[in-house]
């Protein structure tokens, strides 16, 4: 009896989440100083495909290059296109180097970029900044 209930729990945990893929979604590009993360979601915010420069095999300072952003965007766009996505609104966040490269790669891989919006958080003189670096 106990063995059967354990198997049912394992099957419930292993069951894959079903995500509704529309032809129109969002692309979130997070470009930090250390990495680029591209996430493609539907309009409800459920993740359809994602990729990053680190996932594509880049290490160290090479992760923050336009080429790394381009390859990560192409990888995520390919998975989303296979799932049925055709148009995206792009939301870019962060100061990294590969912002434009990521957007250009999304457009060149077959996704129609409808809108580009910069959502980089900017302080309104809120928190005290960290001390200056002493090198």
C-alpha atoms as a PDB file:
ATOM      1  CA  UNK A   1       0.000   0.000   0.000  1.00  0.00           C
ATOM      2  CA  UNK A   2       2.710   2.499   0.961  1.00  0.00           C
ATOM      3  CA  UNK A   3       4.661   1.720  -2.196  1.00  0.00           C
ATOM      4  CA  UNK A   4       1.701   2.563  -4.465  1.00  0.00           C
ATOM      5  CA  UNK A   5       1.137   5.950  -2.809  1.00  0.00           C
ATOM      6  CA  UNK A   6       4.843   6.812  -3.199  1.00  0.00           C
ATOM      7  CA  UNK A   7       4.656   6.084  -6.936  1.00  0.00           C
ATOM      8  CA  UNK A   8       1.600   8.338  -7.299  1.00  0.00           C
ATOM      9  CA  UNK A   9       3.423  11.179  -5.531  1.00  0.00           C
ATOM     10  CA  UNK A  10       6.443  10.757  -7.804  1.00  0.00           C
ATOM     11  CA  UNK A  11       4.251  10.842 -10.921  1.00  0.00           C
ATOM     12  CA  UNK A  12       2.502  14.002  -9.717  1.00  0.00           C
ATOM     13  CA  UNK A  13       5.851  15.685  -9.099  1.00  0.00           C
ATOM     14  CA  UNK A  14       7.226  14.616 -12.485  1.00  0.00           C
ATOM     15  CA  UNK A  15       4.165  15.736 -14.482  1.00  0.00           C
ATOM     16  CA  UNK A  16       5.144  18.579 -16.798  1.00  0.00           C
ATOM     17  CA  UNK A  17       3.417  21.927 -16.458  1.00  0.00           C
ATOM     18  CA  UNK A  18       1.170  22.776 -19.420  1.00  0.00           C
ATOM     19  CA  UNK A  19       1.800  26.272 -20.784  1.00  0.00           C
ATOM     20  CA  UNK A  20      -0.565  27.892 -23.268  1.00  0.00           C
ATOM     21  CA  UNK A  21       1.472  29.221 -26.195  1.00  0.00           C
ATOM     22  CA  UNK A  22      -0.137  32.066 -28.135  1.00  0.00           C
ATOM     23  CA  UNK A  23       1.228  33.515 -31.349  1.00  0.00           C
ATOM     24  CA  UNK A  24       1.797  36.826 -29.490  1.00  0.00           C
ATOM     25  CA  UNK A  25       3.990  37.042 -26.383  1.00  0.00           C
ATOM     26  CA  UNK A  26       6.678  38.940 -24.517  1.00  0.00           C
ATOM     27  CA  UNK A  27      10.466  38.784 -24.705  1.00  0.00           C
ATOM     28  CA  UNK A  28      12.300  39.859 -21.551  1.00  0.00           C
ATOM     29  CA  UNK A  29      15.997  40.656 -22.100  1.00  0.00           C
ATOM     30  CA  UNK A  30      17.976  41.088 -18.878  1.00  0.00           C
ATOM     31  CA  UNK A  31      21.435  42.455 -19.666  1.00  0.00           C
ATOM     32  CA  UNK A  32      23.618  42.721 -16.574  1.00  0.00           C
ATOM     33  CA  UNK A  33      27.346  43.433 -16.532  1.00  0.00           C
ATOM     34  CA  UNK A  34      28.044  39.712 -16.147  1.00  0.00           C
ATOM     35  CA  UNK A  35      25.459  37.855 -18.248  1.00  0.00           C
ATOM     36  CA  UNK A  36      22.559  38.128 -20.701  1.00  0.00           C
ATOM     37  CA  UNK A  37      19.284  36.289 -20.017  1.00  0.00           C
ATOM     38  CA  UNK A  38      16.553  36.118 -22.685  1.00  0.00           C
ATOM     39  CA  UNK A  39      13.139  34.846 -21.557  1.00  0.00           C
ATOM     40  CA  UNK A  40      10.157  34.420 -23.894  1.00  0.00           C
ATOM     41  CA  UNK A  41       6.765  34.301 -22.160  1.00  0.00           C
ATOM     42  CA  UNK A  42       3.109  34.348 -23.077  1.00  0.00           C
ATOM     43  CA  UNK A  43       1.033  37.397 -22.100  1.00  0.00           C
ATOM     44  CA  UNK A  44       0.200  35.837 -18.717  1.00  0.00           C
ATOM     45  CA  UNK A  45       3.928  35.693 -17.866  1.00  0.00           C
ATOM     46  CA  UNK A  46       4.369  31.919 -18.115  1.00  0.00           C
ATOM     47  CA  UNK A  47       7.799  31.038 -19.494  1.00  0.00           C
ATOM     48  CA  UNK A  48       7.816  29.345 -22.912  1.00  0.00           C
ATOM     49  CA  UNK A  49      11.543  29.458 -23.677  1.00  0.00           C
ATOM     50  CA  UNK A  50      14.649  30.936 -22.099  1.00  0.00           C
ATOM     51  CA  UNK A  51      18.337  31.089 -22.734  1.00  0.00           C
ATOM     52  CA  UNK A  52      21.406  32.835 -21.414  1.00  0.00           C
ATOM     53  CA  UNK A  53      24.964  33.461 -22.496  1.00  0.00           C
ATOM     54  CA  UNK A  54      26.167  31.073 -19.800  1.00  0.00           C
ATOM     55  CA  UNK A  55      23.826  28.345 -21.051  1.00  0.00           C
ATOM     56  CA  UNK A  56      25.296  28.784 -24.535  1.00  0.00           C
ATOM     57  CA  UNK A  57      28.780  27.969 -23.201  1.00  0.00           C
ATOM     58  CA  UNK A  58      30.336  31.419 -22.802  1.00  0.00           C
ATOM     59  CA  UNK A  59      32.436  31.938 -19.691  1.00  0.00           C
ATOM     60  CA  UNK A  60      33.800  34.936 -17.823  1.00  0.00           C
ATOM     61  CA  UNK A  61      33.898  38.293 -19.566  1.00  0.00           C
ATOM     62  CA  UNK A  62      32.777  36.734 -22.886  1.00  0.00           C
ATOM     63  CA  UNK A  63      29.252  36.355 -21.467  1.00  0.00           C
ATOM     64  CA  UNK A  64      28.740  40.112 -21.638  1.00  0.00           C
ATOM     65  CA  UNK A  65      29.300  40.536 -25.383  1.00  0.00           C
ATOM     66  CA  UNK A  66      26.855  41.283 -28.196  1.00  0.00           C
ATOM     67  CA  UNK A  67      27.736  37.983 -29.864  1.00  0.00           C
ATOM     68  CA  UNK A  68      26.843  36.012 -26.727  1.00  0.00           C
ATOM     69  CA  UNK A  69      23.543  37.896 -26.531  1.00  0.00           C
ATOM     70  CA  UNK A  70      22.865  37.116 -30.187  1.00  0.00           C
ATOM     71  CA  UNK A  71      23.422  33.377 -29.782  1.00  0.00           C
ATOM     72  CA  UNK A  72      21.301  33.241 -26.605  1.00  0.00           C
ATOM     73  CA  UNK A  73      18.456  35.107 -28.345  1.00  0.00           C
ATOM     74  CA  UNK A  74      18.595  32.828 -31.379  1.00  0.00           C
ATOM     75  CA  UNK A  75      18.422  29.747 -29.139  1.00  0.00           C
ATOM     76  CA  UNK A  76      15.385  31.009 -27.190  1.00  0.00           C
ATOM     77  CA  UNK A  77      13.622  32.245 -30.342  1.00  0.00           C
ATOM     78  CA  UNK A  78      14.055  28.889 -32.100  1.00  0.00           C
ATOM     79  CA  UNK A  79      12.342  27.022 -29.237  1.00  0.00           C
ATOM     80  CA  UNK A  80       9.515  29.591 -29.072  1.00  0.00           C
ATOM     81  CA  UNK A  81       8.969  29.551 -32.839  1.00  0.00           C
ATOM     82  CA  UNK A  82       8.667  25.757 -32.754  1.00  0.00           C
ATOM     83  CA  UNK A  83       6.081  26.144 -29.984  1.00  0.00           C
ATOM     84  CA  UNK A  84       4.052  28.558 -32.133  1.00  0.00           C
ATOM     85  CA  UNK A  85       5.081  32.087 -31.171  1.00  0.00           C
ATOM     86  CA  UNK A  86       5.234  34.637 -34.001  1.00  0.00           C
ATOM     87  CA  UNK A  87       5.120  38.193 -32.540  1.00  0.00           C
ATOM     88  CA  UNK A  88       6.766  39.615 -29.427  1.00  0.00           C
ATOM     89  CA  UNK A  89       6.875  42.758 -27.322  1.00  0.00           C
ATOM     90  CA  UNK A  90      10.463  43.207 -26.107  1.00  0.00           C
ATOM     91  CA  UNK A  91      11.203  44.476 -22.593  1.00  0.00           C
ATOM     92  CA  UNK A  92      14.879  45.319 -22.022  1.00  0.00           C
ATOM     93  CA  UNK A  93      16.320  45.655 -18.529  1.00  0.00           C
ATOM     94  CA  UNK A  94      19.856  46.409 -17.421  1.00  0.00           C
ATOM     95  CA  UNK A  95      23.016  48.216 -18.570  1.00  0.00           C
ATOM     96  CA  UNK A  96      24.762  45.319 -20.356  1.00  0.00           C
ATOM     97  CA  UNK A  97      26.507  45.398 -23.709  1.00  0.00           C
ATOM     98  CA  UNK A  98      24.295  42.955 -25.614  1.00  0.00           C
ATOM     99  CA  UNK A  99      20.947  44.739 -25.484  1.00  0.00           C
ATOM    100  CA  UNK A 100      20.734  45.728 -29.162  1.00  0.00           C
ATOM    101  CA  UNK A 101      22.328  42.484 -30.310  1.00  0.00           C
ATOM    102  CA  UNK A 102      19.684  40.447 -28.495  1.00  0.00           C
ATOM    103  CA  UNK A 103      16.810  42.422 -30.039  1.00  0.00           C
ATOM    104  CA  UNK A 104      18.334  42.232 -33.519  1.00  0.00           C
ATOM    105  CA  UNK A 105      18.800  38.470 -33.198  1.00  0.00           C
ATOM    106  CA  UNK A 106      15.156  38.013 -32.130  1.00  0.00           C
ATOM    107  CA  UNK A 107      14.014  39.934 -35.208  1.00  0.00           C
ATOM    108  CA  UNK A 108      16.361  38.083 -37.582  1.00  0.00           C
ATOM    109  CA  UNK A 109      15.323  34.659 -36.299  1.00  0.00           C
ATOM    110  CA  UNK A 110      11.776  35.106 -37.577  1.00  0.00           C
ATOM    111  CA  UNK A 111       9.932  36.690 -34.651  1.00  0.00           C
ATOM    112  CA  UNK A 112       8.173  39.952 -35.471  1.00  0.00           C
ATOM    113  CA  UNK A 113       9.197  42.592 -32.923  1.00  0.00           C
ATOM    114  CA  UNK A 114       6.129  44.776 -32.340  1.00  0.00           C
ATOM    115  CA  UNK A 115       7.353  46.984 -29.490  1.00  0.00           C
ATOM    116  CA  UNK A 116      10.614  47.662 -27.628  1.00  0.00           C
ATOM    117  CA  UNK A 117      10.450  49.093 -24.096  1.00  0.00           C
ATOM    118  CA  UNK A 118      13.281  49.850 -21.688  1.00  0.00           C
ATOM    119  CA  UNK A 119      12.299  48.900 -18.132  1.00  0.00           C
ATOM    120  CA  UNK A 120      15.688  49.438 -16.477  1.00  0.00           C
ATOM    121  CA  UNK A 121      15.028  50.403 -12.852  1.00  0.00           C
ATOM    122  CA  UNK A 122      16.210  53.934 -12.116  1.00  0.00           C
ATOM    123  CA  UNK A 123      16.484  55.241  -8.530  1.00  0.00           C
ATOM    124  CA  UNK A 124      14.716  58.502  -7.697  1.00  0.00           C
ATOM    125  CA  UNK A 125      17.397  59.328  -5.097  1.00  0.00           C
ATOM    126  CA  UNK A 126      16.034  56.603  -2.860  1.00  0.00           C
ATOM    127  CA  UNK A 127      18.767  54.393  -1.378  1.00  0.00           C
ATOM    128  CA  UNK A 128      22.207  55.541  -0.419  1.00  0.00           C
ATOM    129  CA  UNK A 129      24.716  54.310  -3.029  1.00  0.00           C
ATOM    130  CA  UNK A 130      27.504  51.919  -1.998  1.00  0.00           C
ATOM    131  CA  UNK A 131      30.918  53.266  -1.062  1.00  0.00           C
ATOM    132  CA  UNK A 132      33.285  53.970  -3.934  1.00  0.00           C
ATOM    133  CA  UNK A 133      35.595  51.115  -4.912  1.00  0.00           C
ATOM    134  CA  UNK A 134      39.208  51.355  -3.807  1.00  0.00           C
ATOM    135  CA  UNK A 135      41.336  49.452  -6.298  1.00  0.00           C
END
